Protein backbone atom coordinates (compact mmCIF):
# COMPACT_ATOMS: atom_id res chain seq x y z
CA MET A 1 16.43 43.77 -126.05
CA LYS A 2 17.39 42.16 -122.70
CA ASN A 3 13.52 41.72 -121.48
CA LEU A 4 12.61 40.94 -124.91
CA VAL A 5 15.40 37.86 -124.46
CA LEU A 6 14.57 36.67 -120.81
CA PHE A 7 10.99 36.92 -122.03
CA PHE A 8 11.77 34.84 -125.16
CA LEU A 9 13.33 32.04 -123.28
CA LEU A 10 11.02 32.17 -120.01
CA PHE A 11 8.48 31.38 -122.90
CA SER A 12 10.32 28.50 -124.16
CA GLY A 13 11.18 26.95 -121.25
CA PHE A 14 7.43 27.43 -120.28
CA TYR A 15 6.18 25.89 -124.14
CA LEU A 16 9.01 22.86 -123.60
CA ALA A 17 7.61 21.96 -120.43
CA GLN A 18 3.69 21.76 -121.48
CA ASN A 19 4.85 19.99 -124.63
CA THR A 20 6.41 17.47 -122.24
CA SER A 21 3.94 17.31 -120.23
CA ASN A 22 1.15 16.60 -123.37
CA LYS A 23 4.20 13.73 -124.39
CA ILE A 24 4.27 12.13 -121.31
CA GLN A 25 0.37 12.27 -120.75
CA ILE A 26 -0.33 10.79 -124.24
CA LYS A 27 2.12 7.62 -123.64
CA GLN A 28 0.72 6.91 -120.24
CA LEU A 29 -3.12 6.82 -121.92
CA ILE A 30 -1.37 4.76 -124.74
CA LYS A 31 0.10 2.26 -121.95
CA ASP A 32 -3.35 2.21 -120.02
CA TYR A 33 -5.84 1.87 -122.94
CA TYR A 34 -3.19 -1.47 -123.91
CA LYS A 35 -4.02 -2.26 -120.11
CA ILE A 36 -7.44 -2.22 -120.34
CA ILE A 37 -7.49 -3.99 -123.73
CA ASN A 38 -5.05 -6.81 -122.83
CA GLY A 39 -6.64 -7.31 -119.23
CA LYS A 40 -10.21 -7.26 -120.78
CA ASP A 41 -11.88 -4.49 -118.98
CA SER A 42 -14.42 -3.71 -121.73
CA ALA A 43 -16.58 -1.88 -118.88
CA ASN A 44 -13.39 0.95 -119.06
CA ILE A 45 -12.66 1.35 -122.20
CA THR A 46 -15.33 4.29 -122.96
CA SER A 47 -13.12 5.97 -120.47
CA PHE A 48 -10.41 6.67 -122.80
CA LEU A 49 -12.75 8.17 -125.66
CA TYR A 50 -13.81 11.51 -126.71
CA HIS A 51 -17.76 9.64 -126.68
CA GLU A 52 -18.83 6.04 -127.16
CA GLU A 53 -19.54 6.41 -130.64
CA VAL A 54 -16.22 7.01 -131.57
CA ASN A 55 -15.41 5.42 -134.88
CA TRP A 56 -12.39 2.80 -136.19
CA VAL A 57 -11.58 2.00 -139.25
CA GLY A 58 -9.69 -0.47 -140.52
CA THR A 59 -8.12 -1.56 -143.75
CA TYR A 60 -6.47 -4.61 -145.14
CA LYS A 61 -2.67 -4.36 -146.58
CA SER A 62 -2.39 -5.20 -150.09
CA LYS A 63 -1.34 -8.54 -149.90
CA THR A 64 -3.66 -10.17 -147.12
CA LEU A 65 -6.63 -8.35 -148.93
CA GLU A 66 -5.24 -10.00 -152.12
CA LYS A 67 -5.33 -13.76 -149.80
CA LEU A 68 -8.51 -12.88 -148.51
CA SER A 69 -10.69 -12.16 -151.47
CA HIS A 70 -9.67 -15.05 -152.92
CA GLN A 71 -11.42 -17.06 -150.36
CA ASN A 72 -14.39 -14.42 -150.31
CA HIS A 73 -15.53 -12.62 -153.09
CA LYS A 74 -17.79 -9.64 -151.23
CA LEU A 75 -14.70 -8.37 -148.53
CA LYS A 76 -14.76 -5.25 -148.32
CA PRO A 77 -11.34 -4.27 -148.23
CA VAL A 78 -11.99 -1.00 -145.85
CA PHE A 79 -14.10 -2.03 -142.71
CA SER A 80 -16.02 0.11 -139.70
CA GLY A 81 -17.41 0.12 -136.64
CA ASP A 82 -17.64 1.85 -133.52
CA PHE A 83 -16.25 1.17 -129.88
CA LYS A 84 -19.87 -0.44 -129.27
CA ASP A 85 -18.93 -3.60 -131.06
CA PHE A 86 -15.84 -2.94 -129.79
CA LYS A 87 -16.57 -3.41 -126.29
CA SER A 88 -18.26 -6.75 -126.81
CA ASP A 89 -15.20 -7.90 -129.01
CA VAL A 90 -12.26 -6.96 -126.50
CA SER A 91 -15.05 -8.71 -123.54
CA GLU A 92 -14.90 -12.33 -125.71
CA GLY A 93 -11.56 -12.54 -126.48
CA LYS A 94 -10.03 -15.31 -124.77
CA ASN A 95 -6.12 -15.72 -124.95
CA THR A 96 -5.32 -12.67 -126.61
CA GLU A 97 -3.25 -9.69 -126.42
CA VAL A 98 -2.27 -6.92 -128.71
CA LYS A 99 1.56 -5.13 -128.24
CA TYR A 100 2.46 -1.85 -129.64
CA ASP A 101 6.03 -0.34 -130.60
CA ASN A 102 7.41 2.56 -132.32
CA ILE A 103 5.65 4.94 -131.33
CA LYS A 104 5.55 8.77 -132.78
CA ILE A 105 3.25 11.40 -131.12
CA ILE A 106 2.77 14.47 -132.31
CA GLU A 107 0.89 17.56 -131.01
CA ASP A 108 -0.01 21.26 -130.06
CA GLY A 109 -1.55 21.47 -126.27
CA ASN A 110 -4.96 20.48 -127.67
CA VAL A 111 -4.68 18.01 -130.71
CA ALA A 112 -2.61 15.23 -131.12
CA SER A 113 -2.21 11.95 -133.50
CA VAL A 114 -0.39 8.73 -132.72
CA ASN A 115 1.17 6.72 -134.98
CA LEU A 116 2.22 3.27 -133.74
CA ASP A 117 2.96 -0.42 -134.54
CA TYR A 118 1.05 -3.06 -133.21
CA SER A 119 0.08 -7.21 -133.30
CA PHE A 120 -2.31 -9.31 -132.39
CA TRP A 121 -1.79 -12.78 -130.53
CA LEU A 122 -3.81 -15.54 -130.13
CA ASN A 123 -2.12 -18.55 -127.97
CA ASN A 124 1.01 -16.80 -127.42
CA LYS A 125 1.24 -16.72 -131.54
CA MET A 126 1.11 -13.54 -133.14
CA LYS A 127 -2.03 -13.68 -135.90
CA HIS A 128 -1.51 -10.32 -137.41
CA TRP A 129 0.01 -7.24 -137.21
CA GLY A 130 -0.14 -3.42 -138.79
CA LYS A 131 -0.23 0.75 -138.56
CA GLU A 132 -2.74 2.10 -135.90
CA ILE A 133 -3.27 6.00 -136.33
CA TRP A 134 -4.72 7.77 -133.53
CA THR A 135 -6.89 11.22 -133.15
CA LEU A 136 -6.56 12.86 -129.67
CA VAL A 137 -8.17 15.74 -128.72
CA LYS A 138 -7.35 17.22 -125.04
CA VAL A 139 -10.64 18.31 -122.80
CA PHE A 140 -10.48 19.53 -118.99
CA ASN A 141 -6.90 18.56 -118.80
CA GLN A 142 -7.71 15.03 -120.27
CA TRP A 143 -6.76 13.44 -123.73
CA LYS A 144 -9.47 11.79 -125.26
CA ILE A 145 -9.04 9.83 -128.53
CA THR A 146 -11.52 10.84 -131.38
CA ASN A 147 -10.88 7.93 -133.86
CA ILE A 148 -8.84 4.94 -134.47
CA VAL A 149 -7.68 3.98 -138.20
CA TYR A 150 -4.91 0.81 -138.83
CA SER A 151 -4.21 -1.58 -141.20
CA ILE A 152 -4.08 -5.70 -140.55
CA GLU A 153 -1.60 -7.59 -142.37
CA ASN A 154 -2.02 -11.37 -141.59
CA VAL A 155 1.08 -13.28 -140.33
CA ASP A 156 0.35 -15.82 -142.76
CA VAL A 157 1.15 -13.85 -145.49
CA SER A 158 3.91 -11.47 -144.51
CA GLU A 159 5.43 -11.28 -141.31
CA GLN A 160 6.03 -8.32 -139.85
CA PRO A 161 9.61 -6.92 -139.90
CA SER A 162 11.80 -6.25 -136.54
CA LEU A 163 11.47 -3.16 -135.11
CA LYS A 164 14.87 -2.55 -135.76
CA GLN A 165 14.08 -2.98 -140.16
CA ARG A 166 10.54 -0.90 -139.11
CA LEU A 167 12.47 2.12 -137.75
CA LYS A 168 14.91 2.36 -140.75
CA ASN A 169 12.24 2.70 -142.83
CA ASN A 170 10.88 5.70 -140.85
C-alpha cells in the first residue's frame, strides 16, 4: 500500500508539472502570435500553424449582423479563409493592433483549446471585438494552431463589456 501511495504521489507530481509546462508553452505561443500579428511580420505567421492551409472562420455577432445586413443584403453571416489570405492582410494593416485578455486554456498534453477575448484597434481606436477559439496540437514538442474560430461585434453597434463584466459572465 505504501508503494502505491508513493507511486501515485510521484505520478501526480509529474502530471501536474507537465500540465503546468504545457500551459506555460501555450501562453507563450499566444504572446508570440500576437507579437507577430501586431508587428506586421506576415512571413513568420506560418511558424505558428500546423500547416499553411489552416482555416479560420469568422461570424458576426447578432447585433452587428443585423446592422450590416441592412447595408449589404448579400452579407454572409459566416465567412472563412486560410492563412495565405490572412498573411497579406496582416502585412498591409497600417496603424492596427489586436489586444487580447480573458484567456482560458484546456489541454491534455497533446491537444488543446484556447478561448480568449480580443479587440481590434485602428489608429488607437477600437473598431470591433469578440471571442477567439483556437484548437492546437502538439507536434515534436511544439504547440501548433490547427484552426481559429472567432466572432465580431462592431463597437458602433455594441461596446465591449469591461474585463470585470466579461469575467463575471463566465
